[in-house]
Amino acid sequence: MMNNMFSMFDPASQTFFFNNWVAMFVLLLIFPKNLFFQSSRYPTTILLINKSMFNNLMNNVKKSQILFMNILISLFLLISVSNLMSLFPFIFTPTSHLSISLSMAMPLWLNLFLKSWIFNPLKSFSHLVPLNTPILLCPFMVIIETISSLIRPITLSIRLSANMIAGHILISLLSTMLGHSMLLFSTIFFILIILMMLETAVAVIQSYVFITLISLYLSETN
């Protein structure tokens, strides 16, 4: 008797086979067909991020370098996702290591550096001496500008890695205090929530700063 009672829920039953499958697909006839051609939230969100990043970076990049925007936006999404995923427990933080962040900054900087000095050497030399610089300070300014240009990939990678390491270390130190001080549990827990919110903002901001600085370096190659 029990088998007969629940056999209506079995699509493979011979008696109700046709009716059960028809009932499952009736809803597809009710919904409008345009619903199935719309994008989901994930590609819609990615599209909005791409449009906003494109509009922001176009202030630094000229139309002749618009093809480089795909690399910058893709790198922004890669760094942002890596930083945000690292906030979850037991997940490796790749951008906190110089071997990862430097491998992203060095090829881009080297490409822009070689392009500037090979195709436009006169303007590259002019960048070494700012306008209205006294003649006596010109040799020193050339040395300073050369060093600052050479250490750009190092500063990019250290800025990204240091900000990610600092937040994670502070969160881990406070989390270890939760088990040792039960009297301050509520206070420490509230501080941890604030730190997690700040670290989430830092994860996105640092990726945006990384891409913005590269776009500024790209604008100097014109």
Protein backbone atom coordinates (compact mmCIF):
# COMPACT_ATOMS: atom_id res chain seq x y z
CA MET A 1 0.00 0.00 0.00
CA MET A 2 2.83 2.38 0.84
CA ASN A 3 4.45 1.65 -2.51
CA ASN A 4 1.26 2.53 -4.32
CA MET A 5 0.91 5.73 -2.30
CA PHE A 6 4.37 7.09 -3.15
CA SER A 7 4.51 5.73 -6.68
CA MET A 8 3.02 9.00 -7.94
CA PHE A 9 6.32 10.69 -7.08
CA ASP A 10 8.34 8.20 -9.13
CA PRO A 11 8.82 9.42 -12.72
CA ALA A 12 9.88 5.91 -13.74
CA SER A 13 6.55 4.33 -12.82
CA GLN A 14 4.64 3.01 -15.80
CA THR A 15 1.30 4.44 -14.72
CA PHE A 16 2.35 8.02 -14.08
CA PHE A 17 5.38 8.20 -16.35
CA PHE A 18 3.88 10.50 -18.95
CA ASN A 19 1.88 12.69 -16.57
CA ASN A 20 4.79 13.32 -14.19
CA TRP A 21 7.16 14.46 -16.90
CA VAL A 22 4.50 16.65 -18.47
CA ALA A 23 3.86 18.30 -15.09
CA MET A 24 7.58 19.05 -14.76
CA PHE A 25 7.72 20.89 -18.08
CA VAL A 26 4.42 22.76 -17.80
CA LEU A 27 6.14 25.60 -15.95
CA LEU A 28 8.43 26.13 -18.93
CA LEU A 29 5.35 27.03 -20.97
CA ILE A 30 4.21 29.60 -18.40
CA PHE A 31 7.46 31.60 -18.13
CA PRO A 32 8.13 34.08 -20.96
CA LYS A 33 10.73 32.95 -23.43
CA ASN A 34 12.77 36.15 -22.99
CA LEU A 35 13.64 34.98 -19.47
CA PHE A 36 15.86 32.22 -20.83
CA PHE A 37 17.85 34.59 -23.04
CA GLN A 38 18.84 36.97 -20.24
CA SER A 39 22.27 36.81 -18.64
CA SER A 40 22.75 35.59 -15.10
CA ARG A 41 24.00 37.78 -12.28
CA TYR A 42 27.61 36.63 -12.60
CA PRO A 43 28.26 37.77 -16.22
CA THR A 44 26.16 40.88 -15.59
CA THR A 45 28.33 41.79 -12.60
CA ILE A 46 31.54 41.14 -14.54
CA LEU A 47 30.24 43.31 -17.38
CA LEU A 48 29.50 46.18 -15.01
CA ILE A 49 32.97 45.90 -13.47
CA ASN A 50 34.56 45.92 -16.92
CA LYS A 51 32.61 49.01 -17.96
CA SER A 52 33.46 50.93 -14.80
CA MET A 53 37.14 50.00 -15.00
CA PHE A 54 37.22 50.88 -18.69
CA ASN A 55 35.76 54.33 -18.02
CA ASN A 56 38.16 55.00 -15.14
CA LEU A 57 41.29 53.86 -16.96
CA MET A 58 40.46 55.70 -20.16
CA ASN A 59 41.42 58.92 -18.34
CA ASN A 60 45.01 57.65 -18.25
CA VAL A 61 45.18 55.63 -21.46
CA LYS A 62 44.81 57.13 -24.91
CA LYS A 63 42.75 55.67 -27.73
CA SER A 64 45.85 54.35 -29.48
CA GLN A 65 46.50 52.09 -26.48
CA ILE A 66 42.96 50.84 -26.05
CA LEU A 67 43.98 47.27 -26.86
CA PHE A 68 46.06 47.25 -23.69
CA MET A 69 42.89 47.76 -21.65
CA ASN A 70 41.94 44.08 -21.93
CA ILE A 71 45.15 43.10 -20.15
CA LEU A 72 44.64 45.67 -17.40
CA ILE A 73 41.01 44.71 -16.74
CA SER A 74 41.81 40.99 -16.77
CA LEU A 75 44.67 41.56 -14.35
CA PHE A 76 42.41 43.63 -12.11
CA LEU A 77 39.86 40.80 -11.94
CA LEU A 78 42.62 38.26 -11.27
CA ILE A 79 44.12 40.23 -8.39
CA SER A 80 40.73 41.13 -6.92
CA VAL A 81 39.50 37.53 -6.93
CA SER A 82 42.79 36.30 -5.45
CA ASN A 83 42.67 38.89 -2.68
CA LEU A 84 39.02 38.25 -1.85
CA MET A 85 39.38 34.47 -1.89
CA SER A 86 42.29 34.73 0.53
CA LEU A 87 39.91 36.09 3.18
CA PHE A 88 38.32 32.65 3.54
CA PRO A 89 39.91 30.20 6.01
CA PHE A 90 42.54 27.73 4.84
CA ILE A 91 42.99 29.44 1.45
CA PHE A 92 46.45 30.42 0.22
CA THR A 93 47.10 34.13 -0.38
CA PRO A 94 49.11 34.28 -3.62
CA THR A 95 49.45 38.08 -3.80
CA SER A 96 51.17 38.20 -0.40
CA HIS A 97 54.30 36.62 -1.93
CA LEU A 98 56.75 38.70 -3.94
CA SER A 99 57.29 35.83 -6.36
CA ILE A 100 53.66 36.15 -7.48
CA SER A 101 53.20 39.92 -7.36
CA LEU A 102 56.58 40.60 -8.95
CA SER A 103 55.84 38.15 -11.75
CA MET A 104 52.76 40.25 -12.60
CA ALA A 105 54.46 43.65 -12.33
CA MET A 106 57.80 42.88 -13.98
CA PRO A 107 56.60 41.78 -17.47
CA LEU A 108 54.24 44.74 -17.80
CA TRP A 109 56.82 47.26 -16.64
CA LEU A 110 59.55 45.74 -18.84
CA ASN A 111 57.27 45.87 -21.86
CA LEU A 112 56.46 49.54 -21.29
CA PHE A 113 60.08 50.41 -20.44
CA LEU A 114 61.52 48.82 -23.57
CA LYS A 115 58.78 50.25 -25.76
CA SER A 116 59.44 53.75 -24.46
CA TRP A 117 63.22 53.63 -24.88
CA ILE A 118 63.22 51.88 -28.26
CA PHE A 119 60.45 53.74 -30.10
CA ASN A 120 60.65 57.13 -28.36
CA PRO A 121 64.13 57.61 -26.84
CA LEU A 122 64.10 61.44 -26.94
CA LYS A 123 60.98 61.72 -24.83
CA SER A 124 62.32 59.06 -22.48
CA PHE A 125 65.45 61.12 -21.94
CA SER A 126 63.35 64.24 -21.38
CA HIS A 127 61.47 62.49 -18.55
CA LEU A 128 64.72 62.10 -16.65
CA VAL A 129 65.00 65.88 -16.16
CA PRO A 130 61.84 67.71 -15.02
CA LEU A 131 61.03 71.15 -16.34
CA ASN A 132 62.72 74.21 -14.82
CA THR A 133 65.40 72.11 -13.14
CA PRO A 134 68.62 74.03 -12.38
CA ILE A 135 71.62 73.01 -14.43
CA LEU A 136 73.65 72.03 -11.38
CA LEU A 137 70.93 69.60 -10.26
CA CYS A 138 70.44 67.96 -13.66
CA PRO A 139 73.00 65.14 -13.10
CA PHE A 140 71.47 64.30 -9.74
CA MET A 141 67.94 64.39 -11.15
CA VAL A 142 68.96 61.97 -13.93
CA ILE A 143 70.29 59.52 -11.34
CA ILE A 144 67.21 59.87 -9.12
CA GLU A 145 64.72 59.52 -11.99
CA THR A 146 66.61 56.53 -13.39
CA ILE A 147 66.55 54.74 -10.03
CA SER A 148 62.88 55.56 -9.48
CA SER A 149 62.05 54.20 -12.92
CA LEU A 150 63.99 51.00 -12.37
CA ILE A 151 62.43 50.22 -9.00
CA ARG A 152 58.85 50.68 -10.20
CA PRO A 153 58.04 46.94 -10.48
CA ILE A 154 59.55 46.35 -7.03
CA THR A 155 57.46 49.10 -5.43
CA LEU A 156 54.33 47.82 -7.18
CA SER A 157 54.82 44.27 -5.91
CA ILE A 158 55.90 45.31 -2.38
CA ARG A 159 52.90 47.64 -2.01
CA LEU A 160 50.49 44.85 -2.95
CA SER A 161 52.17 42.15 -0.86
CA ALA A 162 52.72 44.32 2.22
CA ASN A 163 49.10 45.46 2.41
CA MET A 164 47.80 41.91 2.08
CA ILE A 165 50.25 40.55 4.67
CA ALA A 166 49.57 43.29 7.22
CA GLY A 167 45.82 42.75 7.29
CA HIS A 168 46.05 38.97 7.47
CA ILE A 169 48.60 39.06 10.29
CA LEU A 170 46.46 41.46 12.33
CA ILE A 171 43.36 39.29 11.86
CA SER A 172 45.25 36.11 12.80
CA LEU A 173 46.69 37.73 15.95
CA LEU A 174 43.30 38.91 17.14
CA SER A 175 41.68 35.57 16.34
CA THR A 176 44.19 33.77 18.56
CA MET A 177 43.17 36.03 21.46
CA LEU A 178 39.58 34.83 21.32
CA GLY A 179 40.40 31.57 23.08
CA HIS A 180 42.68 33.13 25.72
CA SER A 181 40.49 36.00 26.87
CA MET A 182 36.85 35.04 27.18
CA LEU A 183 36.07 38.28 29.03
CA LEU A 184 37.03 40.31 25.96
CA PHE A 185 35.40 37.88 23.53
CA SER A 186 32.62 40.23 22.41
CA THR A 187 35.01 43.18 22.00
CA ILE A 188 37.59 41.22 20.02
CA PHE A 189 34.89 39.62 17.89
CA PHE A 190 33.45 43.05 17.05
CA ILE A 191 36.93 44.30 16.12
CA LEU A 192 37.46 41.25 13.92
CA ILE A 193 34.25 41.97 12.02
CA ILE A 194 35.42 45.54 11.39
CA LEU A 195 38.84 44.30 10.27
CA MET A 196 37.26 41.82 7.88
CA MET A 197 35.22 44.63 6.32
CA LEU A 198 38.32 46.81 6.03
CA GLU A 199 40.35 43.93 4.60
CA THR A 200 37.66 43.32 1.99
CA ALA A 201 37.90 46.97 0.94
CA VAL A 202 41.72 46.80 0.94
CA ALA A 203 41.62 43.71 -1.29
CA VAL A 204 39.73 45.61 -3.99
CA ILE A 205 41.49 48.94 -3.49
CA GLN A 206 44.97 47.46 -3.78
CA SER A 207 44.11 45.73 -7.03
CA TYR A 208 42.70 49.02 -8.34
CA VAL A 209 45.84 50.92 -7.26
CA PHE A 210 48.04 48.29 -8.93
CA ILE A 211 46.21 48.66 -12.25
CA THR A 212 45.98 52.45 -12.04
CA LEU A 213 49.73 52.84 -11.55
CA ILE A 214 50.41 50.58 -14.53
CA SER A 215 48.05 52.68 -16.65
CA LEU A 216 49.95 55.80 -15.57
CA TYR A 217 53.20 54.16 -16.62
CA LEU A 218 51.54 53.31 -19.91
CA SER A 219 50.57 56.93 -20.48
CA GLU A 220 54.23 57.95 -20.21
CA THR A 221 55.13 55.80 -23.22
CA ASN A 222 53.21 58.07 -25.61
